[in-house]
Protein backbone atom coordinates (compact mmCIF):
# COMPACT_ATOMS: atom_id res chain seq x y z
CA MET A 1 -52.39 43.87 20.28
CA ASN A 2 -54.74 43.29 17.35
CA ASN A 3 -55.33 46.56 15.49
CA ASN A 4 -58.51 45.20 13.90
CA ILE A 5 -60.41 44.94 17.19
CA ARG A 6 -63.38 47.31 17.48
CA THR A 7 -65.61 48.13 20.43
CA LEU A 8 -69.27 49.00 20.39
CA ARG A 9 -70.67 50.52 23.56
CA GLY A 10 -73.64 52.41 24.84
CA ARG A 11 -76.64 52.20 27.11
CA LEU A 12 -80.08 50.70 26.67
CA GLU A 13 -83.16 52.13 28.25
CA THR A 14 -85.42 49.76 30.14
CA ALA A 15 -86.64 46.72 28.17
CA ASP A 16 -85.27 48.00 24.87
CA VAL A 17 -83.99 46.62 21.54
CA LYS A 18 -81.24 48.53 19.77
CA ARG A 19 -79.73 48.04 16.32
CA ILE A 20 -75.97 48.24 16.71
CA VAL A 21 -74.40 47.17 13.42
CA VAL A 22 -76.14 47.85 10.12
CA ASP A 23 -75.69 45.62 7.08
CA ASP A 24 -73.18 47.29 4.77
CA GLY A 25 -74.27 45.28 1.73
CA ARG A 26 -71.00 43.37 1.47
CA PRO A 27 -71.77 39.67 2.08
CA ASN A 28 -68.07 38.76 2.32
CA HIS A 29 -67.55 41.19 5.20
CA GLY A 30 -68.56 40.36 8.75
CA TYR A 31 -67.79 40.69 12.43
CA ARG A 32 -66.77 38.03 14.91
CA VAL A 33 -68.04 38.88 18.39
CA LEU A 34 -65.20 38.31 20.84
CA ASP A 35 -66.72 39.60 24.08
CA PHE A 36 -70.07 40.88 25.36
CA ARG A 37 -70.51 42.60 28.75
CA VAL A 38 -73.40 44.37 30.43
CA TRP A 39 -73.70 46.21 33.73
CA PRO A 40 -76.35 48.35 35.39
CA LYS A 41 -76.21 52.13 35.47
CA GLY A 42 -76.42 52.44 39.24
CA THR A 43 -75.35 50.58 42.34
CA SER A 44 -78.58 50.39 44.29
CA GLY A 45 -79.58 46.80 43.66
CA ASP A 46 -79.88 47.24 39.91
CA ALA A 47 -79.61 44.23 37.64
CA CYS A 48 -79.05 43.85 33.93
CA TYR A 49 -79.71 40.97 31.50
CA ALA A 50 -79.19 41.27 27.75
CA ILE A 51 -79.12 39.16 24.60
CA LEU A 52 -77.06 39.86 21.50
CA GLY A 53 -78.51 38.62 18.23
CA THR A 54 -79.06 39.03 14.53
CA GLN A 55 -82.82 39.69 14.39
CA TYR A 56 -84.96 42.49 15.79
CA ASP A 57 -87.78 40.13 16.72
CA MET A 58 -85.79 37.45 18.55
CA PRO A 59 -87.38 36.10 21.74
CA ALA A 60 -86.73 37.98 24.97
CA GLU A 61 -85.61 34.89 26.86
CA GLY A 62 -82.22 33.31 26.38
CA ASP A 63 -82.43 30.35 24.00
CA ALA A 64 -79.19 28.68 22.91
CA GLY A 65 -81.21 26.64 20.40
CA ASP A 66 -82.10 29.82 18.50
CA ASN A 67 -79.26 30.65 16.07
CA ARG A 68 -80.38 34.28 15.96
CA GLN A 69 -79.06 34.66 19.52
CA ILE A 70 -75.27 34.70 19.67
CA ALA A 71 -74.37 36.04 23.14
CA TRP A 72 -75.93 36.43 26.59
CA ALA A 73 -74.78 38.49 29.55
CA ALA A 74 -76.02 39.55 32.96
CA SER A 75 -74.76 41.39 36.00
CA GLY A 76 -76.07 43.04 39.10
CA PHE A 77 -75.03 44.57 42.38
CA ASN A 78 -75.20 42.93 45.76
CA THR A 79 -77.27 45.46 47.70
CA GLY A 80 -75.51 44.68 50.99
CA THR A 81 -71.94 45.23 49.80
CA GLN A 82 -72.47 47.33 46.64
CA ASN A 83 -70.11 44.92 44.86
CA MET A 84 -70.74 43.45 41.43
CA ALA A 85 -72.35 40.05 41.85
CA ASP A 86 -73.86 37.34 39.71
CA ALA A 87 -72.10 38.43 36.51
CA PHE A 88 -71.80 36.17 33.47
CA SER A 89 -71.06 36.51 29.78
CA ILE A 90 -71.45 33.75 27.19
CA VAL A 91 -70.46 34.30 23.55
CA ASP A 92 -70.89 31.75 20.75
CA PRO A 93 -67.30 31.61 19.43
CA ASP A 94 -68.43 30.12 16.11
CA HIS A 95 -70.64 32.94 14.94
CA VAL A 96 -69.98 35.74 12.46
CA VAL A 97 -72.40 38.63 12.01
CA ILE A 98 -72.90 39.45 8.33
CA THR A 99 -76.10 41.46 8.40
CA ASP A 100 -77.47 43.44 11.34
CA LEU A 101 -76.62 43.08 15.04
CA TYR A 102 -79.15 43.81 17.79
CA ILE A 103 -78.97 43.99 21.55
CA LEU A 104 -82.05 43.30 23.63
CA THR A 105 -82.42 43.92 27.33
CA THR A 106 -85.27 42.35 29.25
CA THR A 107 -84.55 44.09 32.54
CA PRO A 108 -87.76 46.05 33.08
CA ASN A 109 -86.67 48.82 35.47
CA ASP A 110 -82.99 49.55 35.04
CA ASP A 111 -80.85 51.10 32.31
CA CYS A 112 -78.20 48.72 31.03
CA ASN A 113 -74.70 49.65 29.83
CA TYR A 114 -73.06 47.39 27.25
CA LEU A 115 -69.65 46.78 25.73
CA ILE A 116 -69.22 44.54 22.69
CA VAL A 117 -65.79 43.66 21.29
CA VAL A 118 -65.78 42.65 17.62
CA GLU A 119 -63.20 41.72 15.04
CA PRO A 120 -63.90 42.51 11.36
CA ILE A 121 -63.29 39.53 9.09
CA THR A 122 -63.36 38.83 5.36
CA MET A 123 -64.80 35.56 4.03
CA THR A 124 -64.88 33.65 0.78
CA ASP A 125 -68.22 33.37 -1.07
CA ASP A 126 -68.75 29.83 0.26
CA GLN A 127 -68.02 30.86 3.85
CA ALA A 128 -70.40 33.82 3.55
CA ILE A 129 -73.24 31.61 2.29
CA LEU A 130 -72.83 29.18 5.20
CA ARG A 131 -72.72 32.04 7.72
CA LEU A 132 -75.86 33.62 6.26
CA ILE A 133 -77.71 30.31 6.59
CA LYS A 134 -76.63 29.98 10.22
CA GLU A 135 -77.45 33.62 10.95
CA ARG A 136 -81.01 33.20 9.67
CA SER A 137 -81.61 30.26 12.03
CA GLN A 138 -81.72 27.72 9.19
CA ASP A 139 -85.50 27.38 9.34
CA ASP A 140 -86.33 30.99 8.50
CA ILE A 141 -89.00 31.31 5.83
CA ARG A 142 -89.24 34.75 4.23
CA GLU A 143 -91.97 35.83 1.88
């Protein structure tokens, strides 16, 4: 078992954005997201869809072409059997979070539980610069 593994968990209110990891000011320190899961609070036909990303203002729809989005997950309950159905989780394995990490749920009516598994990593200066460029979506223009 890897002793460096950390979990981040909680619940989002309906259609919410939450800041999960705050930049600690150390550019050579980051987190690799290993797993991302979401599930609804109840079992009465609830559904949950969420996006994990590096910007507060990322789009609310899943877009694998947007480097700010690094993981997507959904789940719901089959109302007839009350069993979990239609669950998926996709995590970009080549992404390291250096600055902030946000979770966004677009499910309008249902609270959404989440569990994120991360591994802290240390990078060289060159690796950190390349990760920061990727994290900012490469075409980000800041004033």
